[in-house]
Protein backbone atom coordinates (compact mmCIF):
# COMPACT_ATOMS: atom_id res chain seq x y z
CA MET A 1 4.47 19.09 -4.15
CA PHE A 2 3.63 22.19 -6.11
CA ARG A 3 3.07 25.68 -4.78
CA THR A 4 0.84 27.92 -6.89
CA LEU A 5 1.85 31.57 -6.84
CA HIS A 6 -1.20 33.81 -6.47
CA TYR A 7 -1.04 37.35 -7.83
CA SER A 8 -3.46 39.11 -5.49
CA ASN A 9 -1.78 42.48 -6.03
CA ARG A 10 1.99 42.53 -6.61
CA ILE A 11 4.27 39.86 -7.98
CA TYR A 12 7.64 41.50 -7.40
CA GLY A 13 9.91 39.89 -4.86
CA ILE A 14 9.49 36.37 -6.26
CA CYS A 15 13.08 36.45 -7.45
CA ARG A 16 15.99 38.86 -7.51
CA ILE A 17 15.89 40.98 -10.67
CA HIS A 18 17.75 44.17 -11.56
CA GLY A 19 17.44 47.04 -14.02
CA GLU A 20 14.47 47.85 -16.24
CA TYR A 21 13.12 44.32 -15.94
CA GLY A 22 12.66 44.87 -12.23
CA LYS A 23 9.97 47.41 -13.08
CA LEU A 24 7.98 44.62 -14.72
CA LEU A 25 7.62 42.93 -11.36
CA LYS A 26 6.08 46.03 -9.81
CA GLN A 27 3.04 45.88 -12.08
CA ASN A 28 -0.23 45.30 -10.27
CA TYR A 29 -1.82 42.16 -11.71
CA SER A 30 -5.22 41.58 -10.22
CA SER A 31 -6.06 37.95 -9.49
CA LYS A 32 -9.70 38.79 -10.22
CA GLN A 33 -10.43 38.51 -13.93
CA ASN A 34 -13.77 38.99 -15.63
CA ILE A 35 -13.59 35.60 -17.32
CA THR A 36 -13.23 32.25 -15.55
CA TYR A 37 -10.72 30.20 -17.51
CA PRO A 38 -10.65 26.40 -17.39
CA GLU A 39 -7.47 25.08 -15.82
CA ARG A 40 -4.92 24.20 -18.48
CA ILE A 41 -1.23 23.43 -17.98
CA PHE A 42 1.45 24.06 -20.60
CA SER A 43 5.18 23.45 -20.69
CA GLY A 44 7.86 22.82 -23.29
CA ILE A 45 11.30 21.28 -23.67
CA GLN A 46 13.98 21.95 -26.27
CA PRO A 47 15.16 19.03 -28.45
CA THR A 48 18.84 19.69 -27.81
CA GLY A 49 21.20 17.20 -26.18
CA ASN A 50 20.25 14.05 -24.30
CA MET A 51 17.86 14.35 -21.38
CA HIS A 52 19.64 13.87 -18.06
CA LEU A 53 18.47 12.79 -14.63
CA GLY A 54 18.00 16.39 -13.47
CA ASN A 55 15.60 17.05 -16.39
CA TYR A 56 13.70 13.87 -15.64
CA LEU A 57 13.33 14.39 -11.90
CA GLY A 58 12.97 18.16 -12.00
CA ALA A 59 10.48 18.46 -14.86
CA ILE A 60 9.31 15.36 -16.71
CA GLN A 61 8.37 13.36 -13.63
CA LYS A 62 6.15 16.29 -12.59
CA TRP A 63 4.61 16.41 -16.07
CA ILE A 64 3.70 12.74 -15.72
CA GLU A 65 2.17 13.27 -12.27
CA LEU A 66 0.03 16.13 -13.61
CA GLN A 67 -0.98 14.05 -16.62
CA ASN A 68 -1.94 11.04 -14.51
CA SER A 69 -3.93 13.17 -12.08
CA GLY A 70 -6.34 13.95 -14.91
CA LYS A 71 -5.25 17.54 -15.52
CA ASN A 72 -5.69 19.22 -18.91
CA VAL A 73 -2.04 19.23 -20.02
CA ILE A 74 -0.16 20.28 -23.16
CA TRP A 75 3.53 19.46 -23.67
CA SER A 76 5.51 20.88 -26.58
CA ILE A 77 8.88 20.01 -28.10
CA VAL A 78 9.92 23.62 -28.69
CA ASP A 79 12.10 23.28 -31.77
CA LEU A 80 11.80 26.96 -32.73
CA HIS A 81 13.52 27.87 -29.47
CA SER A 82 16.36 25.48 -30.20
CA ILE A 83 17.36 27.33 -33.39
CA THR A 84 18.09 30.58 -31.56
CA LEU A 85 21.62 29.15 -31.61
CA PRO A 86 23.13 27.31 -34.63
CA GLN A 87 21.94 23.73 -35.15
CA ASP A 88 22.85 21.05 -37.67
CA SER A 89 19.63 20.47 -39.63
CA ILE A 90 19.92 16.68 -39.83
CA GLU A 91 20.88 16.38 -36.18
CA LEU A 92 18.00 18.66 -35.14
CA ARG A 93 15.45 16.46 -36.91
CA GLN A 94 16.92 13.39 -35.22
CA ASN A 95 16.86 15.15 -31.86
CA ILE A 96 13.17 16.04 -32.24
CA LEU A 97 12.29 12.38 -32.73
CA LYS A 98 14.69 11.32 -29.98
CA MET A 99 13.08 13.76 -27.54
CA THR A 100 9.67 12.41 -28.52
CA ALA A 101 10.87 8.87 -27.84
CA THR A 102 12.39 9.95 -24.53
CA LEU A 103 9.20 11.62 -23.30
CA LEU A 104 7.12 8.59 -24.24
CA ALA A 105 9.63 6.23 -22.59
CA CYS A 106 9.50 8.29 -19.40
CA GLY A 107 5.72 7.95 -19.22
CA ILE A 108 4.12 10.76 -21.23
CA ASP A 109 0.92 9.23 -22.64
CA PRO A 110 -0.39 10.84 -25.87
CA GLU A 111 -3.87 9.62 -24.93
CA LYS A 112 -3.80 11.65 -21.71
CA SER A 113 -1.61 14.57 -22.82
CA ILE A 114 -1.25 16.66 -25.94
CA LEU A 115 2.33 16.18 -27.15
CA PHE A 116 3.38 18.05 -30.28
CA GLN A 117 6.20 19.77 -32.15
CA GLN A 118 5.99 23.54 -31.71
CA SER A 119 6.83 24.57 -35.29
CA THR A 120 4.00 22.47 -36.76
CA VAL A 121 1.51 24.93 -35.24
CA SER A 122 2.41 28.12 -37.08
CA MET A 123 0.27 30.29 -34.81
CA HIS A 124 3.03 30.21 -32.18
CA ALA A 125 5.18 32.41 -34.41
CA GLU A 126 2.23 34.52 -35.53
CA LEU A 127 1.08 35.31 -32.00
CA SER A 128 4.70 36.00 -31.07
CA TRP A 129 4.74 38.84 -33.63
CA ILE A 130 1.57 40.39 -32.18
CA LEU A 131 2.97 40.18 -28.64
CA GLY A 132 6.34 41.50 -29.78
CA CYS A 133 4.59 44.60 -31.06
CA ASN A 134 3.32 45.15 -27.53
CA THR A 135 6.62 45.08 -25.67
CA THR A 136 9.81 47.15 -25.83
CA MET A 137 13.49 46.51 -26.55
CA PRO A 138 14.69 47.80 -23.15
CA ARG A 139 12.34 45.36 -21.43
CA LEU A 140 13.66 42.42 -23.44
CA GLY A 141 17.27 43.51 -23.11
CA GLN A 142 17.09 43.39 -19.33
CA LEU A 143 15.71 39.85 -19.14
CA PRO A 144 18.11 37.74 -17.03
CA GLN A 145 18.14 34.78 -19.42
CA PHE A 146 19.13 37.01 -22.37
CA LYS A 147 22.07 38.44 -20.45
CA GLU A 148 23.22 34.97 -19.43
CA LYS A 149 23.00 33.39 -22.90
CA SER A 150 24.32 36.37 -24.87
CA GLU A 151 27.59 36.24 -22.93
CA LYS A 152 28.34 32.87 -24.58
CA VAL A 153 28.19 34.06 -28.20
CA LYS A 154 30.28 36.62 -30.09
CA GLU A 155 27.47 37.94 -32.29
CA VAL A 156 24.05 37.72 -30.65
CA PRO A 157 21.29 36.45 -33.00
CA LEU A 158 18.02 38.38 -33.03
CA GLY A 159 16.19 35.16 -32.14
CA LEU A 160 18.07 34.94 -28.85
CA TYR A 161 16.94 38.47 -28.04
CA ILE A 162 13.25 37.97 -28.80
CA TYR A 163 12.77 34.31 -27.87
CA PRO A 164 11.11 35.20 -24.51
CA VAL A 165 8.26 36.71 -26.54
CA LEU A 166 7.86 33.40 -28.40
CA GLN A 167 7.95 31.68 -25.02
CA ALA A 168 5.08 33.90 -23.89
CA ALA A 169 3.18 33.11 -27.10
CA ASP A 170 3.63 29.37 -26.45
CA ILE A 171 1.82 29.77 -23.14
CA LEU A 172 -0.84 32.31 -24.08
CA LEU A 173 -1.84 30.65 -27.37
CA TYR A 174 -3.47 27.87 -25.33
CA LYS A 175 -4.75 30.21 -22.62
CA ALA A 176 -2.71 28.19 -20.13
CA THR A 177 -3.53 29.00 -16.53
CA HIS A 178 -0.49 27.27 -15.01
CA VAL A 179 3.10 26.53 -16.04
CA PRO A 180 5.34 24.05 -14.14
CA VAL A 181 8.72 25.64 -13.34
CA GLY A 182 11.65 25.12 -11.02
CA GLN A 183 12.38 27.68 -8.31
CA ASP A 184 15.12 29.22 -10.44
CA GLN A 185 12.83 29.57 -13.48
CA VAL A 186 10.01 31.71 -12.11
CA GLN A 187 11.37 34.79 -13.90
CA HIS A 188 10.88 33.00 -17.25
CA LEU A 189 7.13 33.29 -16.74
CA GLN A 190 6.97 36.94 -15.80
CA LEU A 191 7.11 38.34 -19.34
CA ALA A 192 4.14 36.14 -20.28
CA GLN A 193 2.23 37.52 -17.30
CA HIS A 194 3.12 41.07 -18.29
CA LEU A 195 2.14 40.58 -21.95
CA ALA A 196 -1.16 38.93 -21.00
CA HIS A 197 -1.94 41.87 -18.73
CA THR A 198 -0.90 44.41 -21.40
CA PHE A 199 -2.96 42.77 -24.15
CA ASN A 200 -6.00 42.44 -21.87
CA ARG A 201 -5.78 46.12 -20.98
CA LYS A 202 -5.43 47.29 -24.60
CA PHE A 203 -7.83 44.91 -26.36
CA LYS A 204 -10.20 43.72 -23.60
CA GLU A 205 -9.75 40.54 -21.64
CA THR A 206 -8.39 37.70 -23.76
CA PHE A 207 -5.78 35.78 -21.79
CA PRO A 208 -5.60 34.39 -18.26
CA ILE A 209 -2.60 35.57 -16.25
CA PRO A 210 -0.59 32.32 -16.15
CA ARG A 211 0.62 31.18 -12.75
CA ALA A 212 3.68 29.19 -11.77
CA LEU A 213 3.54 25.66 -10.43
CA VAL A 214 6.82 25.73 -8.54
CA ASN A 215 8.66 22.50 -7.89
CA GLN A 216 9.94 22.87 -4.33
CA ASP A 217 11.90 19.68 -3.84
CA THR A 218 15.59 18.97 -4.44
CA SER A 219 14.91 17.40 -7.85
CA SER A 220 14.99 20.89 -9.34
CA ARG A 221 18.45 21.43 -7.89
CA LEU A 222 20.45 18.30 -8.77
CA LYS A 223 24.09 19.25 -9.07
CA SER A 224 26.87 18.50 -11.51
CA LEU A 225 28.79 15.34 -10.62
CA ARG A 226 32.05 17.11 -11.45
CA ASP A 227 31.31 20.45 -9.78
CA PRO A 228 28.56 20.17 -7.15
CA THR A 229 28.40 23.95 -6.79
CA LYS A 230 26.71 24.07 -10.23
CA LYS A 231 23.48 22.58 -11.59
CA MET A 232 23.48 19.37 -13.61
CA SER A 233 23.18 20.70 -17.15
CA LYS A 234 22.89 19.53 -20.77
CA SER A 235 25.08 22.45 -21.84
CA SER A 236 28.13 21.43 -19.81
CA ASN A 237 31.13 20.49 -21.94
CA ASP A 238 31.93 17.61 -19.58
CA PRO A 239 29.62 14.62 -20.22
CA LYS A 240 30.78 13.10 -16.91
CA SER A 241 28.98 15.92 -15.10
CA ARG A 242 25.52 14.47 -15.78
CA LEU A 243 23.67 11.15 -15.78
CA GLU A 244 21.93 10.83 -19.15
CA LEU A 245 18.84 8.69 -19.57
CA THR A 246 20.46 6.89 -22.51
CA ASP A 247 23.70 6.03 -20.66
CA GLU A 248 24.58 2.34 -20.50
CA PRO A 249 24.90 0.84 -16.97
CA ARG A 250 28.71 0.75 -17.12
CA VAL A 251 28.75 4.44 -18.11
CA LEU A 252 26.44 5.37 -15.23
CA LEU A 253 28.60 3.41 -12.78
CA ASN A 254 31.77 5.07 -14.04
CA LYS A 255 30.29 8.57 -13.77
CA ILE A 256 29.05 8.00 -10.22
CA LYS A 257 32.37 6.44 -9.14
CA LYS A 258 34.16 9.58 -10.38
CA ALA A 259 31.65 12.00 -8.83
CA VAL A 260 33.40 14.69 -6.79
CA THR A 261 32.82 14.37 -3.03
CA ASP A 262 35.33 15.35 -0.30
CA PHE A 263 37.92 13.90 2.07
CA THR A 264 35.41 12.91 4.77
CA SER A 265 34.54 9.22 4.54
CA THR A 266 31.20 9.22 6.38
CA VAL A 267 27.91 9.59 4.50
CA THR A 268 26.06 12.67 5.78
CA PHE A 269 23.53 15.00 4.19
CA GLU A 270 24.94 18.52 4.53
CA PRO A 271 24.24 20.40 1.27
CA GLU A 272 26.00 23.59 2.35
CA THR A 273 29.24 22.09 3.63
CA ARG A 274 29.30 18.74 1.77
CA PRO A 275 27.59 19.41 -1.58
CA GLY A 276 29.14 16.45 -3.43
CA VAL A 277 28.01 13.58 -1.21
CA SER A 278 24.75 15.42 -0.47
CA ASN A 279 24.02 15.50 -4.21
CA LEU A 280 24.44 11.71 -4.38
CA ILE A 281 22.11 11.33 -1.39
CA ALA A 282 19.55 13.61 -3.08
CA ILE A 283 19.66 11.44 -6.22
CA HIS A 284 19.29 8.28 -4.10
CA SER A 285 16.41 9.82 -2.15
CA LEU A 286 14.47 10.96 -5.21
CA LEU A 287 14.79 7.62 -6.97
CA SER A 288 14.09 5.41 -3.95
CA GLY A 289 11.51 7.48 -2.07
CA LYS A 290 13.61 7.29 1.09
CA SER A 291 14.41 10.43 3.06
CA PRO A 292 18.03 11.65 3.30
CA GLU A 293 17.91 10.81 7.02
CA GLU A 294 16.91 7.20 6.32
CA ILE A 295 19.65 6.86 3.72
CA CYS A 296 22.34 8.22 6.04
CA LYS A 297 21.25 5.83 8.80
CA GLU A 298 21.43 2.87 6.40
CA ALA A 299 24.90 4.00 5.26
CA GLU A 300 26.38 4.34 8.76
CA ASN A 301 28.79 1.46 8.18
CA VAL A 302 29.97 2.36 4.66
CA ASP A 303 32.30 5.07 3.43
CA THR A 304 31.58 7.43 0.54
CA GLY A 305 33.49 5.24 -1.92
CA GLU A 306 31.32 2.23 -1.09
CA TYR A 307 28.20 4.38 -1.00
CA LYS A 308 28.75 5.40 -4.63
CA PHE A 309 28.12 1.77 -5.64
CA VAL A 310 24.83 1.83 -3.71
CA VAL A 311 23.75 4.97 -5.58
CA ALA A 312 24.84 3.48 -8.91
CA ASP A 313 22.68 0.39 -8.32
CA VAL A 314 19.62 2.55 -7.64
CA VAL A 315 20.24 4.76 -10.70
CA ILE A 316 20.85 1.80 -13.02
CA GLU A 317 17.71 0.02 -11.82
CA LYS A 318 15.61 3.13 -12.52
CA LEU A 319 17.10 4.21 -15.83
CA THR A 320 17.64 0.85 -17.56
CA PRO A 321 13.97 0.29 -18.56
CA ILE A 322 13.71 3.91 -19.73
CA ARG A 323 16.88 3.57 -21.84
CA GLU A 324 15.67 0.30 -23.35
CA ARG A 325 12.29 1.82 -24.21
CA ILE A 326 13.96 4.88 -25.80
CA ASN A 327 16.14 2.63 -27.96
CA GLN A 328 13.08 0.65 -29.02
CA LEU A 329 11.02 3.73 -29.92
CA ILE A 330 13.83 5.36 -31.91
CA LYS A 331 13.57 2.39 -34.28
CA GLU A 332 9.92 3.33 -34.94
CA PRO A 333 10.16 6.82 -36.54
CA GLN A 334 6.78 6.49 -38.27
CA TYR A 335 5.07 5.93 -34.93
CA LEU A 336 6.88 8.93 -33.42
CA GLU A 337 5.87 11.09 -36.38
CA LYS A 338 2.25 10.01 -35.95
CA VAL A 339 2.29 10.88 -32.24
CA LEU A 340 3.55 14.37 -33.10
CA SER A 341 1.10 14.76 -35.99
CA ASP A 342 -1.89 13.73 -33.88
CA GLY A 343 -0.72 16.05 -31.11
CA ALA A 344 -0.37 18.94 -33.56
CA GLU A 345 -3.96 18.45 -34.72
CA ARG A 346 -5.24 18.57 -31.15
CA ALA A 347 -3.07 21.57 -30.31
CA THR A 348 -4.21 23.40 -33.45
CA SER A 349 -7.87 22.87 -32.55
CA ILE A 350 -7.26 24.91 -29.38
CA ALA A 351 -4.80 27.43 -30.83
CA VAL A 352 -6.93 28.42 -33.81
CA ASN A 353 -9.72 29.74 -31.59
CA THR A 354 -7.30 31.94 -29.65
CA TRP A 355 -5.66 33.15 -32.86
CA LEU A 356 -8.98 34.13 -34.45
CA GLU A 357 -9.93 36.02 -31.30
CA VAL A 358 -6.59 37.86 -31.24
CA ARG A 359 -6.78 38.76 -34.94
CA ASN A 360 -10.24 40.22 -34.51
CA LYS A 361 -9.33 42.24 -31.44
CA VAL A 362 -6.15 43.63 -32.97
CA GLY A 363 -8.03 44.57 -36.15
CA LEU A 364 -6.56 42.09 -38.63
CA GLY A 365 -9.88 40.35 -39.19
CA ASN A 366 -10.51 36.67 -39.81
CA ASN A 367 -7.97 34.94 -41.97
CA ALA A 368 -9.86 32.85 -44.54
CA LEU A 369 -7.34 30.02 -44.31
CA VAL A 370 -7.66 29.83 -40.54
CA THR A 371 -11.45 30.05 -40.73
CA ASN A 372 -11.54 27.20 -43.24
CA MET A 373 -9.24 25.17 -41.01
CA LEU A 374 -11.60 25.68 -38.09
CA GLU A 375 -14.59 24.59 -40.17
CA LEU A 376 -12.77 21.47 -41.35
CA GLN A 377 -11.88 20.57 -37.77
CA ARG A 378 -15.48 20.98 -36.66
CA ALA A 379 -16.62 18.78 -39.54
CA ALA A 380 -14.05 16.14 -38.58
CA SER A 381 -15.23 16.31 -34.98
CA ARG A 382 -18.85 15.75 -36.07
CA ARG A 383 -17.81 12.69 -38.11
CA LYS A 384 -16.21 11.17 -35.01
């Protein structure tokens, strides 16, 4: 299901990158490090917009599988990343709790995973500053995601420019060894790899070089229902382009009925030539566990219009219990706050050790407040 990318010598060629950033990929990162790091998996999700089926199948379902396999996993609601573009403060707070409810409803278990709100662990921002002092503006300016996002705004905020450094800090603060990503997101990890390598070289080995857990299946490539040449996305202005986890059954049915297909009535899986109907088959396959070939054989006697009702039934059956659980949890804000608070405590107990180590190596020395925090946590642990 996942393919781990090993960095035996060179990591360039994983994806197509141009300009100065391409030089980053030509760095030699040895897979042999002097320290053996325990396996730890980290990933984050922004609390903006409603989660859609592509998010669930492409990311969250994989998080749950990793969690339930007994892996050491940390999931963060990365609210600091969300404010790189303007946000309504009241709506943002609501979205943080709604995302918490959504993750829990999907199957994230706070007893098996660490789930927390990024901004409640201040060391994310503090480590980001240290890492930012060890990279350059040309390197950041050539990052593909900056170019893509900056084209959408008239005046580019500084946060949008430097957020990849914060993203690297998110990963390195917990000495994460692996990060789940889709095939089109591998480049997001490469700055973290570069900064880990740079810091290790300058200040002696501190961080593991994080590796990508790449999701190979079609769940990472679900397409827009309105334009199947594009990915299903939260940022699309057309809500009919995506199936949201909070959509009522009638809304899901209406969106699937209006999904763009083509003028051929038969149901066949041909992603290159028939992307619309193939996208519906991919959704059906991922939710039912049936292969596209099995689905096409079962649909031999129905046309694409009738087949849309079949897909709608499968989607509604899967998403209804999730939607109902989300709606129930949203009515329990105190419980959601406690989940995030408990998660922040557990995350802090890991982060503080890394932060003390970084401060010492850089020359800042031990911060008394952080040291006291560490002592209090150890005392609390002894009481348990």
